[in-house]
């Protein structure tokens, strides 16, 4: 695929192998604003790639290097997620500037990029995550409008379970134990539930542990036949 080089000075050396891919929205008015910020030495933020709404893909940091996109975050025991991940910023104004659907052209550009990164590094579907998954207390992106189903249909991300769901009737404490086991930071339980809902049940994001949340989480934890 065609990439436009837009080098950022904001990177350093990895100390971990790549085991995950983190998807963000830029949360800025337009692509140029996001690119300017991610290439400014003063901002001290970056990502490996940025995808404009028209499908143009920019490369800012070489995948061999550690971009600065995750901040304080956690997933499945890893705390230096910048070191262990490839970061993709997807242009969208976000909740602050007028959150909207992600255009088809943008998603069509993301799919081959994500597929190539995933294959290159052997990243499992469960480690293709949103920024809100790894930093539930701080972040909302890429948000409830992000088309995770389009990625799941191509085996690029985990699908939201919909079949044969069974409520295990865990206590809330049991649910948070299971959510921690799945990979989330549950130190802020309410925000952790919201992040889980935003990712796996975006139709209702209320931070309340209910039977559907429990059933979906149980299904995600159960082993699947190959």
Protein backbone atom coordinates (compact mmCIF):
# COMPACT_ATOMS: atom_id res chain seq x y z
CA UNK A 1 0.00 0.00 0.00
CA UNK A 2 1.10 3.58 -0.60
CA UNK A 3 2.47 5.39 2.43
CA UNK A 4 3.39 9.05 2.70
CA UNK A 5 6.42 9.67 4.90
CA UNK A 6 5.86 12.36 7.52
CA UNK A 7 8.72 11.71 9.94
CA UNK A 8 8.27 12.52 13.60
CA UNK A 9 11.20 13.15 15.95
CA UNK A 10 9.18 11.72 18.83
CA UNK A 11 10.41 8.17 19.32
CA UNK A 12 13.03 6.12 21.11
CA UNK A 13 14.20 2.50 21.26
CA UNK A 14 11.94 -0.43 22.03
CA UNK A 15 12.75 -2.67 24.98
CA UNK A 16 9.97 -5.20 24.24
CA UNK A 17 8.93 -7.09 21.11
CA UNK A 18 5.75 -6.00 19.34
CA UNK A 19 2.81 -8.01 20.69
CA UNK A 20 -0.09 -5.60 20.24
CA UNK A 21 -1.61 -2.94 17.98
CA UNK A 22 -3.33 0.08 19.50
CA UNK A 23 -5.98 2.02 17.56
CA UNK A 24 -6.70 5.66 18.41
CA UNK A 25 -8.73 8.52 17.04
CA UNK A 26 -6.83 11.78 16.72
CA UNK A 27 -9.44 13.85 18.58
CA UNK A 28 -8.44 16.98 16.66
CA UNK A 29 -10.31 19.13 14.12
CA UNK A 30 -8.51 17.75 11.05
CA UNK A 31 -5.63 15.63 9.80
CA UNK A 32 -3.20 18.53 9.43
CA UNK A 33 -3.66 19.51 13.07
CA UNK A 34 -2.94 15.93 14.14
CA UNK A 35 0.13 15.61 11.92
CA UNK A 36 1.50 18.93 13.12
CA UNK A 37 1.12 17.87 16.74
CA UNK A 38 2.64 14.42 16.26
CA UNK A 39 5.67 15.86 14.46
CA UNK A 40 6.26 18.69 16.94
CA UNK A 41 9.22 18.06 19.27
CA UNK A 42 7.49 20.07 21.98
CA UNK A 43 4.37 17.87 21.95
CA UNK A 44 6.30 14.67 22.74
CA UNK A 45 3.58 12.50 21.17
CA UNK A 46 3.56 10.38 18.03
CA UNK A 47 2.27 7.20 16.43
CA UNK A 48 3.62 4.89 13.79
CA UNK A 49 0.83 5.65 11.33
CA UNK A 50 -1.96 8.16 10.78
CA UNK A 51 -4.92 7.54 8.46
CA UNK A 52 -6.82 10.52 7.08
CA UNK A 53 -10.57 10.40 6.45
CA UNK A 54 -9.98 10.08 2.69
CA UNK A 55 -7.84 6.95 3.24
CA UNK A 56 -4.42 8.58 2.91
CA UNK A 57 -1.91 6.78 5.14
CA UNK A 58 1.04 8.61 6.69
CA UNK A 59 4.00 6.89 8.32
CA UNK A 60 5.51 8.93 11.14
CA UNK A 61 7.72 6.45 13.02
CA UNK A 62 9.45 3.28 11.84
CA UNK A 63 7.88 0.16 13.37
CA UNK A 64 11.28 -0.84 14.77
CA UNK A 65 11.14 2.19 17.05
CA UNK A 66 8.97 3.03 20.07
CA UNK A 67 6.40 5.72 19.25
CA UNK A 68 4.79 7.74 22.04
CA UNK A 69 1.06 7.14 21.69
CA UNK A 70 -0.17 5.04 24.62
CA UNK A 71 0.78 7.09 27.68
CA UNK A 72 0.10 5.52 31.06
CA UNK A 73 -1.61 2.29 30.12
CA UNK A 74 -1.95 -1.42 30.82
CA UNK A 75 -3.00 -4.54 28.95
CA UNK A 76 -2.58 -8.18 29.98
CA UNK A 77 0.25 -7.47 32.39
CA UNK A 78 2.17 -5.09 30.12
CA UNK A 79 2.68 -1.53 31.35
CA UNK A 80 5.18 -0.25 28.75
CA UNK A 81 2.66 -0.51 25.93
CA UNK A 82 4.56 1.96 23.77
CA UNK A 83 7.41 -0.53 23.69
CA UNK A 84 5.16 -3.50 22.95
CA UNK A 85 2.87 -1.99 20.33
CA UNK A 86 2.38 -0.37 16.97
CA UNK A 87 0.16 2.72 17.24
CA UNK A 88 -2.28 3.82 14.54
CA UNK A 89 -3.97 7.21 14.78
CA UNK A 90 -7.24 7.43 12.82
CA UNK A 91 -8.37 10.94 11.95
CA UNK A 92 -11.67 11.78 13.66
CA UNK A 93 -12.62 14.91 15.61
CA UNK A 94 -13.51 12.73 18.58
CA UNK A 95 -15.93 13.43 21.38
CA UNK A 96 -14.52 16.90 21.97
CA UNK A 97 -14.79 18.31 18.43
CA UNK A 98 -17.79 16.50 16.93
CA UNK A 99 -17.46 12.72 16.99
CA UNK A 100 -18.72 11.11 13.79
CA UNK A 101 -18.71 7.88 11.82
CA UNK A 102 -15.46 6.69 10.30
CA UNK A 103 -15.68 6.98 6.47
CA UNK A 104 -15.58 3.83 4.33
CA UNK A 105 -12.41 5.05 2.59
CA UNK A 106 -10.66 5.36 5.92
CA UNK A 107 -11.69 1.89 7.10
CA UNK A 108 -10.71 0.45 3.70
CA UNK A 109 -7.21 1.88 4.18
CA UNK A 110 -6.97 0.64 7.76
CA UNK A 111 -7.77 -2.99 6.93
CA UNK A 112 -4.71 -3.84 4.77
CA UNK A 113 -2.41 -1.79 7.02
CA UNK A 114 -3.64 -3.59 10.13
CA UNK A 115 -3.48 -6.96 8.40
CA UNK A 116 0.14 -6.44 7.33
CA UNK A 117 1.26 -5.27 10.80
CA UNK A 118 -0.58 -8.14 12.48
CA UNK A 119 1.00 -10.72 10.19
CA UNK A 120 4.44 -9.17 10.33
CA UNK A 121 4.61 -9.29 14.12
CA UNK A 122 2.35 -12.26 14.81
CA UNK A 123 -0.11 -10.21 16.86
CA UNK A 124 -3.13 -12.14 18.13
CA UNK A 125 -6.66 -10.78 17.64
CA UNK A 126 -7.05 -10.27 21.38
CA UNK A 127 -4.14 -7.82 21.33
CA UNK A 128 -5.65 -5.54 18.68
CA UNK A 129 -7.10 -2.99 21.07
CA UNK A 130 -8.43 0.54 21.37
CA UNK A 131 -6.83 3.28 23.42
CA UNK A 132 -9.77 3.09 25.83
CA UNK A 133 -9.07 -0.62 26.39
CA UNK A 134 -5.54 0.04 27.62
CA UNK A 135 -6.32 3.30 29.49
CA UNK A 136 -9.98 3.04 30.56
CA UNK A 137 -9.70 5.71 33.26
CA UNK A 138 -8.29 8.29 30.83
CA UNK A 139 -9.39 7.61 27.26
CA UNK A 140 -12.55 7.10 25.17
CA UNK A 141 -11.03 6.47 21.74
CA UNK A 142 -11.52 5.17 19.13
CA UNK A 143 -15.02 5.24 20.62
CA UNK A 144 -18.38 3.58 20.25
CA UNK A 145 -18.76 4.45 16.55
CA UNK A 146 -15.58 2.64 15.55
CA UNK A 147 -16.42 -0.29 13.22
CA UNK A 148 -14.84 -3.14 15.16
CA UNK A 149 -17.18 -5.56 13.35
CA UNK A 150 -15.49 -4.76 10.02
CA UNK A 151 -12.16 -5.83 11.53
CA UNK A 152 -13.60 -8.87 13.31
CA UNK A 153 -15.22 -10.10 10.08
CA UNK A 154 -11.71 -10.26 8.60
CA UNK A 155 -10.22 -11.90 11.71
CA UNK A 156 -8.26 -8.76 12.50
CA UNK A 157 -9.86 -8.19 15.92
CA UNK A 158 -12.04 -10.08 18.37
CA UNK A 159 -15.76 -10.08 17.55
CA UNK A 160 -18.37 -9.12 20.10
CA UNK A 161 -19.97 -12.43 21.15
CA UNK A 162 -23.61 -12.74 20.09
CA UNK A 163 -24.38 -16.49 19.95
CA UNK A 164 -25.15 -18.96 22.73
CA UNK A 165 -24.63 -16.34 25.44
CA UNK A 166 -25.09 -17.55 29.01
CA UNK A 167 -25.13 -15.32 32.07
CA UNK A 168 -22.78 -16.87 34.66
CA UNK A 169 -24.40 -14.72 37.41
CA UNK A 170 -21.05 -13.65 38.80
CA UNK A 171 -21.05 -11.16 41.64
CA UNK A 172 -19.62 -7.77 40.66
CA UNK A 173 -16.39 -8.83 42.34
CA UNK A 174 -16.38 -11.96 40.21
CA UNK A 175 -16.98 -9.92 37.07
CA UNK A 176 -14.02 -7.64 37.81
CA UNK A 177 -11.82 -10.65 38.50
CA UNK A 178 -12.79 -12.01 35.09
CA UNK A 179 -12.30 -8.61 33.43
CA UNK A 180 -8.83 -8.40 34.93
CA UNK A 181 -8.10 -11.89 33.67
CA UNK A 182 -9.21 -10.87 30.17
CA UNK A 183 -6.72 -8.01 30.20
CA UNK A 184 -8.26 -4.77 31.51
CA UNK A 185 -6.94 -2.51 34.25
CA UNK A 186 -9.79 -2.62 36.79
CA UNK A 187 -8.37 -0.15 39.31
CA UNK A 188 -11.22 2.19 38.34
CA UNK A 189 -14.04 -0.38 38.14
CA UNK A 190 -16.71 1.92 36.69
CA UNK A 191 -14.44 3.19 33.92
CA UNK A 192 -13.31 -0.37 33.19
CA UNK A 193 -16.93 -1.44 32.64
CA UNK A 194 -17.50 1.56 30.36
CA UNK A 195 -14.40 0.66 28.32
CA UNK A 196 -15.57 -2.96 28.01
CA UNK A 197 -19.04 -1.82 26.91
CA UNK A 198 -17.64 0.71 24.46
CA UNK A 199 -15.65 -2.09 22.83
CA UNK A 200 -18.03 -5.05 23.03
CA UNK A 201 -21.50 -3.52 23.56
CA UNK A 202 -21.48 0.01 22.20
CA UNK A 203 -25.29 0.27 21.99
CA UNK A 204 -25.53 0.73 25.77
CA UNK A 205 -22.65 2.36 27.63
CA UNK A 206 -23.81 2.92 31.19
CA UNK A 207 -21.03 1.47 33.35
CA UNK A 208 -23.46 -1.02 34.92
CA UNK A 209 -22.52 -4.69 35.16
CA UNK A 210 -25.52 -6.61 33.85
CA UNK A 211 -26.30 -10.07 32.50
CA UNK A 212 -25.30 -9.21 28.95
CA UNK A 213 -21.91 -7.85 30.06
CA UNK A 214 -21.28 -10.97 32.12
CA UNK A 215 -22.35 -13.28 29.30
CA UNK A 216 -20.19 -11.53 26.70
CA UNK A 217 -17.15 -11.57 28.97
CA UNK A 218 -17.65 -15.26 29.76
CA UNK A 219 -17.83 -16.04 26.05
CA UNK A 220 -14.62 -14.07 25.39
CA UNK A 221 -12.83 -16.06 28.09
CA UNK A 222 -13.99 -19.51 27.01
CA UNK A 223 -11.64 -21.54 24.78
CA UNK A 224 -12.77 -21.85 21.18
CA UNK A 225 -12.32 -24.79 18.80
CA UNK A 226 -9.80 -24.10 16.07
